[in-house]
N, C-alpha and C. Protein backbone atom coordinates (compact mmCIF):
# COMPACT_ATOMS: atom_id res chain seq x y z
N MET A 1 -63.88 2.71 9.96
CA MET A 1 -65.44 1.68 10.11
C MET A 1 -66.32 2.71 8.78
N ASN A 2 -66.86 2.42 7.91
CA ASN A 2 -66.99 3.40 6.75
C ASN A 2 -68.62 3.52 7.04
N ARG A 3 -69.12 4.24 6.34
CA ARG A 3 -70.69 5.03 6.89
C ARG A 3 -71.58 3.82 7.17
N SER A 4 -71.61 3.23 6.24
CA SER A 4 -72.78 2.14 6.88
C SER A 4 -72.79 1.06 7.23
N ASN A 5 -71.73 1.26 7.88
CA ASN A 5 -71.30 -0.18 9.14
C ASN A 5 -70.96 0.45 10.17
N SER A 6 -71.16 1.58 10.69
CA SER A 6 -71.97 2.50 11.39
C SER A 6 -73.06 2.61 11.78
N LEU A 7 -73.86 3.35 10.58
CA LEU A 7 -75.51 3.07 10.73
C LEU A 7 -75.62 2.14 10.66
N SER A 8 -74.97 0.39 10.46
CA SER A 8 -75.68 -0.28 10.72
C SER A 8 -75.16 -0.66 12.40
N THR A 9 -74.44 -0.71 12.84
CA THR A 9 -74.12 -0.45 14.20
C THR A 9 -74.95 -0.27 15.16
N LEU A 10 -75.06 1.17 14.67
CA LEU A 10 -75.78 2.02 15.57
C LEU A 10 -77.03 1.32 15.42
N ARG A 11 -78.14 1.06 14.22
CA ARG A 11 -79.41 0.55 14.00
C ARG A 11 -78.83 -1.35 14.54
N LYS A 12 -78.34 -1.67 15.23
CA LYS A 12 -78.27 -2.96 16.07
C LYS A 12 -78.24 -2.64 17.26
N GLN A 13 -77.25 -1.55 17.57
CA GLN A 13 -77.95 -1.12 19.53
C GLN A 13 -78.73 -0.20 19.67
N LEU A 14 -79.64 0.51 18.73
CA LEU A 14 -81.02 1.10 18.80
C LEU A 14 -81.99 0.18 18.77
N GLY A 15 -82.23 -1.70 18.43
CA GLY A 15 -83.29 -2.65 18.36
C GLY A 15 -83.22 -2.98 19.33
N ALA A 16 -81.35 -3.19 20.07
CA ALA A 16 -81.28 -3.64 21.32
C ALA A 16 -81.71 -3.20 22.50
N LEU A 17 -81.72 -1.84 22.18
CA LEU A 17 -82.51 -1.01 24.07
C LEU A 17 -84.10 -1.43 23.77
N ASP A 18 -84.32 -1.02 21.94
CA ASP A 18 -85.84 -1.51 22.11
C ASP A 18 -86.37 -2.54 22.73
N LYS A 19 -85.48 -3.14 22.71
CA LYS A 19 -86.11 -4.73 23.74
C LYS A 19 -85.94 -4.55 25.73
N VAL A 20 -85.19 -3.74 25.82
CA VAL A 20 -84.87 -3.68 26.98
C VAL A 20 -86.23 -3.47 27.98
N ALA A 21 -86.83 -4.11 28.60
CA ALA A 21 -88.59 -3.85 29.67
C ALA A 21 -87.74 -2.38 30.37
N ARG A 22 -88.44 -1.19 30.69
CA ARG A 22 -88.58 0.23 30.71
C ARG A 22 -90.35 -0.11 31.92
N GLY A 23 -89.71 0.58 32.76
CA GLY A 23 -90.87 1.35 33.11
C GLY A 23 -90.87 2.20 34.31
N VAL A 24 -91.60 1.83 35.84
CA VAL A 24 -91.31 2.21 36.57
C VAL A 24 -90.86 0.90 37.85
N TYR A 25 -90.49 1.37 39.50
CA TYR A 25 -90.14 0.13 39.86
C TYR A 25 -89.83 0.88 41.53
N VAL A 26 -90.57 -0.45 42.12
CA VAL A 26 -91.07 0.45 43.71
C VAL A 26 -90.50 -0.74 44.13
N LEU A 27 -89.26 -0.55 45.71
CA LEU A 27 -88.92 -0.93 46.49
C LEU A 27 -89.35 -1.15 47.50
N ILE A 28 -89.76 -2.13 48.17
CA ILE A 28 -90.63 -1.74 49.25
C ILE A 28 -89.47 -2.65 50.50
N LEU A 29 -89.10 -1.72 51.76
CA LEU A 29 -87.82 -1.37 52.51
C LEU A 29 -88.77 -1.80 54.06
N PHE A 30 -87.71 -2.60 54.93
CA PHE A 30 -87.60 -1.84 56.33
C PHE A 30 -86.28 -2.28 57.19
N LEU A 31 -86.18 -1.13 58.05
CA LEU A 31 -85.28 -0.12 58.27
C LEU A 31 -85.73 -1.02 60.12
N PRO A 32 -85.00 -1.77 60.35
CA PRO A 32 -85.09 -2.61 61.43
C PRO A 32 -85.14 -1.71 63.48
N HIS A 33 -83.93 -1.05 63.29
CA HIS A 33 -83.18 -0.30 63.86
C HIS A 33 -83.92 1.55 63.16
N ALA A 34 -84.78 2.19 63.90
CA ALA A 34 -84.39 3.97 63.87
C ALA A 34 -83.03 4.33 63.49
N ARG A 35 -82.29 5.94 63.44
CA ARG A 35 -82.06 5.90 63.20
C ARG A 35 -81.22 7.03 62.31
N PRO A 36 -79.98 7.76 62.03
CA PRO A 36 -80.27 8.79 61.23
C PRO A 36 -79.11 8.60 60.17
N VAL A 37 -79.36 9.12 58.78
CA VAL A 37 -78.80 8.55 57.85
C VAL A 37 -77.76 9.54 57.35
N VAL A 38 -77.05 9.89 56.88
CA VAL A 38 -76.20 11.34 56.19
C VAL A 38 -76.76 10.94 54.41
N VAL A 39 -78.01 11.21 54.19
CA VAL A 39 -78.62 11.51 52.42
C VAL A 39 -77.73 12.38 50.93
N GLY A 40 -76.37 12.00 51.24
CA GLY A 40 -75.65 12.97 49.99
C GLY A 40 -76.01 14.05 50.17
N LYS A 41 -76.68 15.03 49.37
CA LYS A 41 -76.73 16.74 49.45
C LYS A 41 -78.33 16.68 50.29
N LEU A 42 -78.78 16.54 50.17
CA LEU A 42 -80.41 16.32 51.35
C LEU A 42 -79.63 16.36 52.99
N GLY A 43 -78.72 15.82 53.38
CA GLY A 43 -77.82 16.01 54.48
C GLY A 43 -78.35 14.95 54.88
N THR A 44 -78.72 14.99 56.66
CA THR A 44 -78.74 13.50 57.80
C THR A 44 -80.69 14.21 57.84
N VAL A 45 -80.98 12.94 57.53
CA VAL A 45 -82.81 12.27 58.29
C VAL A 45 -82.09 11.09 58.30
N ALA A 46 -83.61 11.69 59.88
CA ALA A 46 -83.76 10.77 61.28
C ALA A 46 -85.14 9.39 60.42
N PHE A 47 -84.02 8.31 60.32
CA PHE A 47 -85.40 7.38 59.62
C PHE A 47 -85.83 6.84 60.95
N ALA A 48 -87.05 6.41 61.11
CA ALA A 48 -87.53 5.80 62.56
C ALA A 48 -87.84 4.25 61.32
N ARG A 49 -87.95 2.84 62.95
CA ARG A 49 -88.20 2.17 62.48
C ARG A 49 -89.21 1.72 61.75
N GLY A 50 -89.33 0.97 61.14
CA GLY A 50 -90.70 0.42 60.09
C GLY A 50 -90.32 0.60 58.61
N PHE A 51 -91.80 0.47 57.80
CA PHE A 51 -92.22 0.04 56.08
C PHE A 51 -91.39 0.94 54.97
N TYR A 52 -91.21 1.37 54.55
CA TYR A 52 -90.83 1.93 53.47
C TYR A 52 -90.91 2.31 51.87
N ILE A 53 -91.40 2.02 51.07
CA ILE A 53 -91.50 2.50 49.52
C ILE A 53 -91.07 3.42 48.92
N TYR A 54 -90.33 3.33 47.91
CA TYR A 54 -89.79 3.88 46.99
C TYR A 54 -90.13 4.03 45.79
N VAL A 55 -90.00 4.58 45.48
CA VAL A 55 -90.41 4.54 43.33
C VAL A 55 -89.00 5.51 42.87
N GLY A 56 -88.27 4.38 42.07
CA GLY A 56 -87.86 5.17 40.92
C GLY A 56 -88.25 4.79 39.15
N SER A 57 -87.62 4.93 38.70
CA SER A 57 -87.85 5.15 36.53
C SER A 57 -86.57 4.23 36.66
N ALA A 58 -87.30 3.39 35.59
CA ALA A 58 -86.35 2.45 34.98
C ALA A 58 -86.55 3.19 33.56
N MET A 59 -86.63 3.99 33.16
CA MET A 59 -86.95 4.53 31.56
C MET A 59 -85.56 4.46 31.23
N GLY A 60 -84.17 4.55 31.76
CA GLY A 60 -83.37 4.53 31.49
C GLY A 60 -82.42 3.36 30.01
N SER A 61 -81.83 3.47 29.11
CA SER A 61 -81.29 2.48 28.75
C SER A 61 -80.70 1.13 28.86
N ALA A 62 -80.54 1.15 30.79
CA ALA A 62 -80.70 0.17 31.61
C ALA A 62 -81.84 -0.82 31.93
N GLY A 63 -83.12 0.03 31.98
CA GLY A 63 -84.07 -0.75 32.42
C GLY A 63 -84.63 -0.80 33.96
N PHE A 64 -84.36 -2.06 33.53
CA PHE A 64 -85.21 -2.38 34.96
C PHE A 64 -83.37 -2.95 36.20
N LYS A 65 -82.74 -3.69 35.85
CA LYS A 65 -81.15 -3.55 35.14
C LYS A 65 -80.85 -2.23 37.47
N ARG A 66 -81.72 -1.17 36.74
CA ARG A 66 -80.44 -0.88 37.86
C ARG A 66 -82.01 -1.04 39.38
N VAL A 67 -82.99 -2.02 39.37
CA VAL A 67 -83.43 -2.72 40.78
C VAL A 67 -82.25 -3.24 40.87
N ALA A 68 -81.85 -4.67 40.15
CA ALA A 68 -80.74 -5.43 40.70
C ALA A 68 -79.41 -4.50 41.16
N ARG A 69 -78.65 -3.07 40.68
CA ARG A 69 -77.88 -2.26 41.24
C ARG A 69 -78.89 -1.92 42.15
N HIS A 70 -79.89 -1.38 42.70
CA HIS A 70 -79.78 -1.12 44.45
C HIS A 70 -80.29 -2.73 44.90
N LEU A 71 -80.24 -3.44 44.19
CA LEU A 71 -80.57 -5.23 45.32
C LEU A 71 -78.31 -5.04 45.67
N ASP A 72 -77.38 -4.61 44.84
CA ASP A 72 -76.10 -5.37 45.53
C ASP A 72 -76.30 -3.97 46.23
N VAL A 73 -76.11 -2.71 46.01
CA VAL A 73 -76.47 -1.90 46.54
C VAL A 73 -76.50 -2.51 48.71
N SER A 74 -77.91 -2.89 48.30
CA SER A 74 -78.12 -3.59 50.16
C SER A 74 -78.39 -4.50 50.47
N GLU A 75 -77.19 -5.50 49.61
CA GLU A 75 -76.85 -6.89 50.33
C GLU A 75 -74.85 -6.39 50.75
N GLY A 76 -74.23 -4.92 50.37
CA GLY A 76 -72.92 -4.39 50.46
C GLY A 76 -72.39 -5.06 49.00
N ARG A 77 -73.05 -5.76 48.66
CA ARG A 77 -72.05 -5.95 47.36
C ARG A 77 -71.71 -4.34 45.94
N LEU A 78 -72.04 -3.69 46.73
CA LEU A 78 -71.79 -2.54 45.72
C LEU A 78 -72.14 -0.91 46.79
N LYS A 79 -70.48 -0.07 47.01
CA LYS A 79 -70.23 0.16 47.90
C LYS A 79 -70.74 2.07 47.75
N THR A 80 -71.15 2.10 46.23
CA THR A 80 -71.01 3.29 45.54
C THR A 80 -72.35 3.91 45.86
N LYS A 81 -73.02 5.14 46.11
CA LYS A 81 -73.72 5.60 46.68
C LYS A 81 -73.92 6.92 45.83
N LYS A 82 -75.46 6.52 44.37
CA LYS A 82 -75.26 7.84 43.34
C LYS A 82 -76.79 8.28 43.43
N TRP A 83 -77.52 7.29 43.97
CA TRP A 83 -79.16 7.84 44.67
C TRP A 83 -79.14 8.49 45.86
N HIS A 84 -80.01 9.00 46.04
CA HIS A 84 -80.49 8.98 47.59
C HIS A 84 -81.03 7.49 48.39
N VAL A 85 -81.69 7.01 47.38
CA VAL A 85 -82.12 5.80 48.27
C VAL A 85 -80.82 4.91 48.24
N ASP A 86 -79.84 4.99 47.66
CA ASP A 86 -78.51 3.95 47.73
C ASP A 86 -78.13 4.34 49.02
N TYR A 87 -78.66 5.47 50.61
CA TYR A 87 -77.94 5.28 51.33
C TYR A 87 -78.45 4.69 52.22
N VAL A 88 -80.27 4.09 52.09
CA VAL A 88 -80.58 4.42 52.84
C VAL A 88 -80.83 2.32 52.34
N LEU A 89 -80.52 2.33 50.99
CA LEU A 89 -80.27 0.53 51.26
C LEU A 89 -78.90 -0.10 51.09
N ALA A 90 -78.08 0.68 51.97
CA ALA A 90 -76.95 0.86 53.06
C ALA A 90 -77.54 0.01 53.91
N VAL A 91 -78.43 0.19 55.25
CA VAL A 91 -79.18 0.10 56.50
C VAL A 91 -80.16 -0.54 56.70
N ALA A 92 -80.96 -0.63 55.15
CA ALA A 92 -82.47 -1.29 54.81
C ALA A 92 -81.86 -2.39 54.37
N LYS A 93 -82.98 -3.12 54.00
CA LYS A 93 -83.48 -4.77 53.66
C LYS A 93 -84.23 -4.27 52.77
N VAL A 94 -83.70 -5.14 51.45
CA VAL A 94 -85.50 -4.55 50.48
C VAL A 94 -86.20 -6.21 50.93
N LEU A 95 -86.94 -6.13 50.93
CA LEU A 95 -88.26 -6.91 51.03
C LEU A 95 -88.84 -7.62 49.97
N ALA A 96 -89.35 -6.92 48.81
CA ALA A 96 -90.01 -6.75 48.09
C ALA A 96 -90.00 -5.89 47.20
N THR A 97 -89.91 -6.47 45.54
CA THR A 97 -89.93 -4.84 44.98
C THR A 97 -90.90 -5.43 43.26
N VAL A 98 -91.51 -3.71 43.07
CA VAL A 98 -92.54 -3.79 41.98
C VAL A 98 -92.04 -3.38 40.71
N GLU A 99 -91.89 -3.91 40.07
CA GLU A 99 -91.87 -3.73 38.66
C GLU A 99 -92.99 -3.42 37.22
N ILE A 100 -93.43 -2.29 37.51
CA ILE A 100 -94.11 -1.63 36.10
C ILE A 100 -93.46 -1.49 35.11
N THR A 101 -94.21 -2.41 33.92
CA THR A 101 -93.83 -2.66 32.62
C THR A 101 -94.49 -1.58 32.03
N THR A 102 -93.84 -0.63 30.98
CA THR A 102 -94.68 0.30 30.44
C THR A 102 -93.62 1.48 29.79
N GLN A 103 -94.28 1.82 28.68
CA GLN A 103 -93.24 3.12 27.56
C GLN A 103 -93.74 4.26 28.26
N GLN A 104 -94.25 4.86 29.02
CA GLN A 104 -94.70 5.76 29.53
C GLN A 104 -94.25 5.99 30.54
N THR A 105 -94.10 7.52 30.88
CA THR A 105 -92.55 7.97 31.98
C THR A 105 -94.00 8.42 33.20
N ILE A 106 -94.33 7.16 34.46
CA ILE A 106 -95.42 7.93 35.13
C ILE A 106 -95.15 7.27 36.89
N GLU A 107 -93.46 7.54 37.15
CA GLU A 107 -92.55 7.58 38.16
C GLU A 107 -93.07 8.39 38.65
N CYS A 108 -93.38 9.69 38.36
CA CYS A 108 -94.29 10.87 39.33
C CYS A 108 -95.29 10.76 39.59
N GLN A 109 -96.37 9.91 38.34
CA GLN A 109 -97.56 9.92 38.61
C GLN A 109 -97.44 8.87 39.92
N VAL A 110 -97.12 7.83 39.71
CA VAL A 110 -97.07 7.09 41.30
C VAL A 110 -96.57 7.55 42.24
N ALA A 111 -95.86 7.92 42.88
CA ALA A 111 -95.55 8.63 43.62
C ALA A 111 -96.58 10.16 44.37
N CYS A 112 -97.22 10.27 43.34
CA CYS A 112 -98.19 11.05 44.05
C CYS A 112 -99.58 10.44 44.12
N GLU A 113 -99.84 9.26 43.68
CA GLU A 113 -100.67 8.41 43.90
C GLU A 113 -100.55 7.16 44.90
N LEU A 114 -99.23 7.27 46.04
CA LEU A 114 -99.01 6.83 46.98
C LEU A 114 -99.19 8.04 47.90
N LEU A 115 -98.55 9.64 47.64
CA LEU A 115 -98.40 10.38 48.98
C LEU A 115 -100.04 10.69 48.85
N GLU A 116 -101.22 10.61 48.21
CA GLU A 116 -101.99 10.58 48.29
C GLU A 116 -103.11 9.39 49.97
N ASN A 117 -101.83 8.32 50.03
CA ASN A 117 -102.39 7.51 50.86
C ASN A 117 -102.06 8.03 52.05
N LEU A 118 -103.26 8.26 52.77
CA LEU A 118 -103.47 8.59 54.24
C LEU A 118 -102.47 7.77 54.98
N SER A 119 -103.10 6.93 54.86
CA SER A 119 -101.56 5.71 55.56
C SER A 119 -99.63 6.02 55.82
N LEU A 120 -99.74 6.81 54.82
CA LEU A 120 -98.38 6.86 54.65
C LEU A 120 -97.62 8.12 54.76
N ALA A 121 -96.81 7.98 55.47
CA ALA A 121 -95.94 9.64 55.07
C ALA A 121 -95.40 9.75 54.40
N CYS A 122 -94.53 10.89 54.05
CA CYS A 122 -93.53 11.27 53.31
C CYS A 122 -92.66 11.69 53.22
N ILE A 123 -91.43 11.40 53.07
CA ILE A 123 -89.35 12.38 53.51
C ILE A 123 -89.39 12.60 52.41
N MET A 124 -89.43 13.99 53.02
CA MET A 124 -90.25 15.45 51.62
C MET A 124 -88.15 15.87 51.13
N LYS A 125 -88.47 15.70 50.41
CA LYS A 125 -88.14 15.90 49.26
C LYS A 125 -86.32 14.82 48.43
N PHE A 126 -86.84 14.16 48.99
CA PHE A 126 -87.03 12.41 49.21
C PHE A 126 -85.73 12.02 47.65
N GLY A 127 -85.31 11.91 46.84
CA GLY A 127 -85.19 10.81 45.82
C GLY A 127 -86.59 11.75 44.19
N SER A 128 -86.49 13.12 44.78
CA SER A 128 -87.54 13.91 43.99
C SER A 128 -86.44 15.71 43.15
N SER A 129 -85.36 15.35 43.50
CA SER A 129 -84.65 16.53 43.29
C SER A 129 -84.85 16.66 41.88
N ASP A 130 -85.02 15.73 40.94
CA ASP A 130 -84.70 16.27 39.93
C ASP A 130 -86.45 16.46 39.08
N CYS A 131 -87.73 16.68 40.17
CA CYS A 131 -88.84 17.00 40.06
C CYS A 131 -89.50 17.41 40.30
N LYS A 132 -90.63 17.46 40.51
CA LYS A 132 -91.39 18.71 41.13
C LYS A 132 -92.16 18.34 42.11
N CYS A 133 -92.38 16.65 42.21
CA CYS A 133 -92.56 15.39 43.22
C CYS A 133 -92.42 16.13 45.25
N ARG A 134 -93.29 15.95 46.12
CA ARG A 134 -93.07 16.20 47.39
C ARG A 134 -91.05 15.47 47.71
N SER A 135 -91.71 14.12 47.47
CA SER A 135 -91.20 12.82 47.91
C SER A 135 -91.33 11.76 46.68
N HIS A 136 -90.64 10.57 46.55
CA HIS A 136 -90.31 9.51 45.88
C HIS A 136 -90.12 8.18 47.00
N LEU A 137 -90.22 9.00 48.81
CA LEU A 137 -90.16 7.85 49.46
C LEU A 137 -91.21 7.87 50.25
N PHE A 138 -91.49 6.93 50.70
CA PHE A 138 -92.79 7.09 51.97
C PHE A 138 -92.55 5.85 52.65
N TYR A 139 -93.45 6.27 54.26
CA TYR A 139 -92.97 5.77 55.60
C TYR A 139 -94.28 5.04 56.11
N THR A 140 -94.10 3.72 56.54
CA THR A 140 -95.05 3.84 57.98
C THR A 140 -94.71 2.83 58.49
N PRO A 141 -95.28 2.81 60.28
CA PRO A 141 -94.34 1.36 60.98
C PRO A 141 -95.51 0.70 60.72
N ARG A 142 -96.28 0.24 60.23
CA ARG A 142 -97.07 -0.79 59.94
C ARG A 142 -97.08 -1.88 58.82
N PHE A 143 -96.98 -3.10 58.72
CA PHE A 143 -96.63 -3.86 57.20
C PHE A 143 -97.99 -3.87 56.40
N ALA A 144 -99.45 -4.24 57.26
CA ALA A 144 -100.20 -4.50 56.93
C ALA A 144 -100.45 -2.62 56.24
N ASP A 145 -99.98 -1.44 56.13
CA ASP A 145 -100.44 -0.54 55.02
C ASP A 145 -99.43 -0.35 54.14
N ILE A 146 -98.81 -1.27 53.96
CA ILE A 146 -97.63 -1.18 53.03
C ILE A 146 -98.49 -2.61 52.41
N ARG A 147 -98.28 -3.61 52.69
CA ARG A 147 -99.22 -4.71 52.21
C ARG A 147 -100.61 -3.80 50.87
N ASP A 148 -101.95 -2.82 51.77
CA ASP A 148 -102.74 -2.49 50.73
C ASP A 148 -102.21 -1.49 50.53
N ALA A 149 -101.33 -0.85 50.46
CA ALA A 149 -100.71 1.02 49.88
C ALA A 149 -99.97 0.00 48.50
N ILE A 150 -99.47 -1.72 48.32
CA ILE A 150 -98.95 -2.44 46.95
C ILE A 150 -100.08 -2.85 46.54
N SER A 151 -100.84 -3.18 47.16
CA SER A 151 -102.54 -4.10 46.01
C SER A 151 -102.66 -3.03 45.64
N GLN A 152 -103.04 -1.70 45.90
CA GLN A 152 -103.71 -0.77 45.34
C GLN A 152 -103.02 -0.40 44.30
N LEU A 153 -102.05 -0.21 44.75
CA LEU A 153 -100.88 0.24 43.57
C LEU A 153 -101.07 -0.60 41.89
N VAL A 154 -100.85 -1.98 42.56
CA VAL A 154 -100.94 -2.81 41.51
C VAL A 154 -102.31 -3.19 40.79
N ASN A 155 -103.28 -2.77 41.37
CA ASN A 155 -104.58 -2.89 40.97
C ASN A 155 -104.31 -1.28 39.87
N ASN A 156 -104.17 -0.42 39.96
CA ASN A 156 -104.48 0.63 39.60
C ASN A 156 -104.36 0.62 38.52
N HIS A 157 -102.69 -0.40 38.22
CA HIS A 157 -101.45 -0.14 37.04
C HIS A 157 -101.92 -1.53 35.83
N ARG A 158 -102.49 -2.23 36.85
CA ARG A 158 -102.28 -3.52 36.24
C ARG A 158 -102.98 -3.85 34.71
N SER A 159 -104.10 -3.15 34.83
CA SER A 159 -104.60 -2.83 32.90
C SER A 159 -104.09 -1.44 32.03
N GLN A 160 -103.09 -1.33 32.61
CA GLN A 160 -102.46 0.00 31.77
C GLN A 160 -101.02 -0.37 31.07
N THR A 161 -100.80 -1.24 31.85
CA THR A 161 -99.05 -1.49 31.34
C THR A 161 -99.39 -2.47 30.74
N SER A 162 -98.33 -3.02 30.65
CA SER A 162 -97.73 -3.64 30.16
C SER A 162 -97.87 -5.36 30.50
N SER A 163 -97.20 -5.21 31.94
CA SER A 163 -97.08 -6.31 33.32
C SER A 163 -96.66 -5.20 34.06
N VAL A 164 -97.27 -6.00 34.87
CA VAL A 164 -96.71 -5.78 36.63
C VAL A 164 -96.29 -6.67 37.66
N THR A 165 -95.25 -7.13 37.60
CA THR A 165 -94.08 -7.92 38.19
C THR A 165 -93.52 -7.27 39.89
N VAL A 166 -94.03 -8.52 40.80
CA VAL A 166 -94.09 -8.12 42.12
C VAL A 166 -92.58 -9.34 42.65
N ALA A 167 -91.77 -9.27 43.30
CA ALA A 167 -90.43 -10.14 43.27
C ALA A 167 -90.46 -9.85 44.83
N GLU A 168 -90.62 -11.25 45.47
CA GLU A 168 -90.40 -11.57 46.84
C GLU A 168 -88.29 -11.44 47.01
N THR A 169 -87.87 -10.07 47.26
CA THR A 169 -86.21 -10.83 47.45
C THR A 169 -85.90 -11.11 49.13
N ASN A 170 -86.59 -10.29 49.72
CA ASN A 170 -85.88 -10.54 51.01
C ASN A 170 -86.40 -10.66 51.95
N TRP A 171 -87.44 -11.43 52.93
CA TRP A 171 -88.13 -11.13 53.84
C TRP A 171 -87.56 -11.28 55.32
N HIS A 172 -86.93 -11.79 55.20
CA HIS A 172 -85.30 -11.36 57.00
C HIS A 172 -86.79 -11.10 58.09
N GLY A 173 -87.80 -12.39 57.28
CA GLY A 173 -89.19 -12.55 58.88
C GLY A 173 -89.88 -11.46 59.65
N CYS A 174 -89.80 -10.57 57.86
CA CYS A 174 -91.05 -9.60 58.02
C CYS A 174 -92.45 -9.94 57.86
N ALA A 175 -92.73 -10.31 56.72
CA ALA A 175 -94.24 -10.81 55.99
C ALA A 175 -93.72 -10.97 54.27
N ARG A 176 -94.65 -11.46 54.30
CA ARG A 176 -94.20 -11.82 52.31
C ARG A 176 -95.88 -11.97 51.37
N PHE A 177 -95.85 -11.75 50.54
CA PHE A 177 -96.70 -11.65 49.10
C PHE A 177 -96.53 -12.88 48.56
N SER A 178 -98.42 -13.09 48.05
CA SER A 178 -98.18 -14.10 47.07
C SER A 178 -99.19 -13.74 46.12
N LYS A 179 -99.41 -14.03 44.74
CA LYS A 179 -100.36 -13.98 43.99
C LYS A 179 -101.23 -13.72 45.01
N ALA A 180 -101.94 -15.85 44.99
CA ALA A 180 -102.91 -15.55 45.34
C ALA A 180 -104.09 -14.74 46.57
N ARG A 181 -102.91 -14.43 47.81
CA ARG A 181 -103.12 -13.60 48.54
C ARG A 181 -102.53 -12.02 48.93
N LEU A 182 -102.07 -11.37 47.50
CA LEU A 182 -101.43 -10.29 47.29
C LEU A 182 -103.03 -9.19 48.17
N LEU A 183 -104.38 -9.62 48.26
CA LEU A 183 -105.35 -8.54 48.12
C LEU A 183 -105.94 -9.02 50.01
N SER A 184 -105.57 -10.00 50.24
CA SER A 184 -105.68 -10.67 50.89
C SER A 184 -104.87 -11.03 52.89
N PRO A 185 -105.20 -10.84 54.06
CA PRO A 185 -104.53 -10.56 55.12
C PRO A 185 -103.49 -11.72 54.37
N ILE A 186 -102.12 -11.14 55.62
CA ILE A 186 -100.91 -12.71 55.20
C ILE A 186 -101.06 -13.01 56.95
N ASP A 187 -101.12 -14.31 56.46
CA ASP A 187 -101.69 -14.98 57.86
C ASP A 187 -100.60 -14.88 58.62
N ASN A 188 -98.66 -15.93 57.74
CA ASN A 188 -97.79 -16.37 58.17
C ASN A 188 -96.72 -16.39 57.54
N VAL A 189 -95.96 -15.52 58.53
CA VAL A 189 -93.91 -15.07 58.36
C VAL A 189 -93.61 -16.32 57.94
N VAL A 190 -92.72 -16.19 56.31
CA VAL A 190 -92.43 -17.63 55.40
C VAL A 190 -91.35 -16.31 54.54
N GLU A 191 -90.26 -16.21 54.98
CA GLU A 191 -89.40 -16.66 54.08
C GLU A 191 -89.16 -16.92 52.77
N ARG A 192 -89.10 -16.91 51.85
CA ARG A 192 -88.84 -17.21 50.31
C ARG A 192 -88.40 -16.24 50.10
N PRO A 193 -86.96 -16.53 49.65
CA PRO A 193 -85.87 -15.07 48.36
C PRO A 193 -86.60 -15.08 47.02
N ASN A 194 -86.21 -14.76 46.63
CA ASN A 194 -86.05 -14.55 45.11
C ASN A 194 -87.47 -15.57 43.93
N THR A 195 -88.61 -14.68 44.80
CA THR A 195 -89.83 -15.22 44.46
C THR A 195 -90.31 -14.59 43.45
N VAL A 196 -90.62 -14.83 42.02
CA VAL A 196 -91.35 -13.71 41.62
C VAL A 196 -92.87 -13.75 40.59
N HIS A 197 -93.55 -13.64 41.20
CA HIS A 197 -94.86 -13.26 40.74
C HIS A 197 -95.63 -11.91 39.37
N LYS A 198 -95.66 -12.40 38.20
CA LYS A 198 -96.23 -12.14 37.64
C LYS A 198 -98.06 -11.59 37.52
N ILE A 199 -98.42 -10.47 37.88
CA ILE A 199 -99.74 -10.33 38.04
C ILE A 199 -100.63 -10.10 37.02
């Protein structure tokens, strides 16, 4: 391959990378039973029954495809555990995902916003081995706390980013979001898999 063909190929690859949606994602998880989980180098962590929010980066070359990978781990289609959250995904249900599309690296900012929420507890050093954050995983036994935290997060980032997408993936009878009711109480438990709402 000559130099001009190499440069042309490189330009095409860089152009394709520019079209990949990137940003930060949030996974909303439900753990139906308390249990200890061995989390890689972090060791054994005692997880309580309840709801968890995990904050991750989609700034890499695959962008939000990382979310699809996490869903594959949660559903048992992928056994490889690469990140801390993969160990929890193997035993928890993913209720929903939030994708905040942005070119800015705001993963730690989002984690800090959740850390300031007094209704959420953090699991120390979880998902934050490559940064100075206390944690990127947060816990509450109450779904209302999760709903309120996600509503606040969406409102905080709605005007600052290209888009915020809330996707219902697998509710398993716990609860649901909808575009119309994201900020209001959830009346009924309805299972609506694979529903996406652009906010």
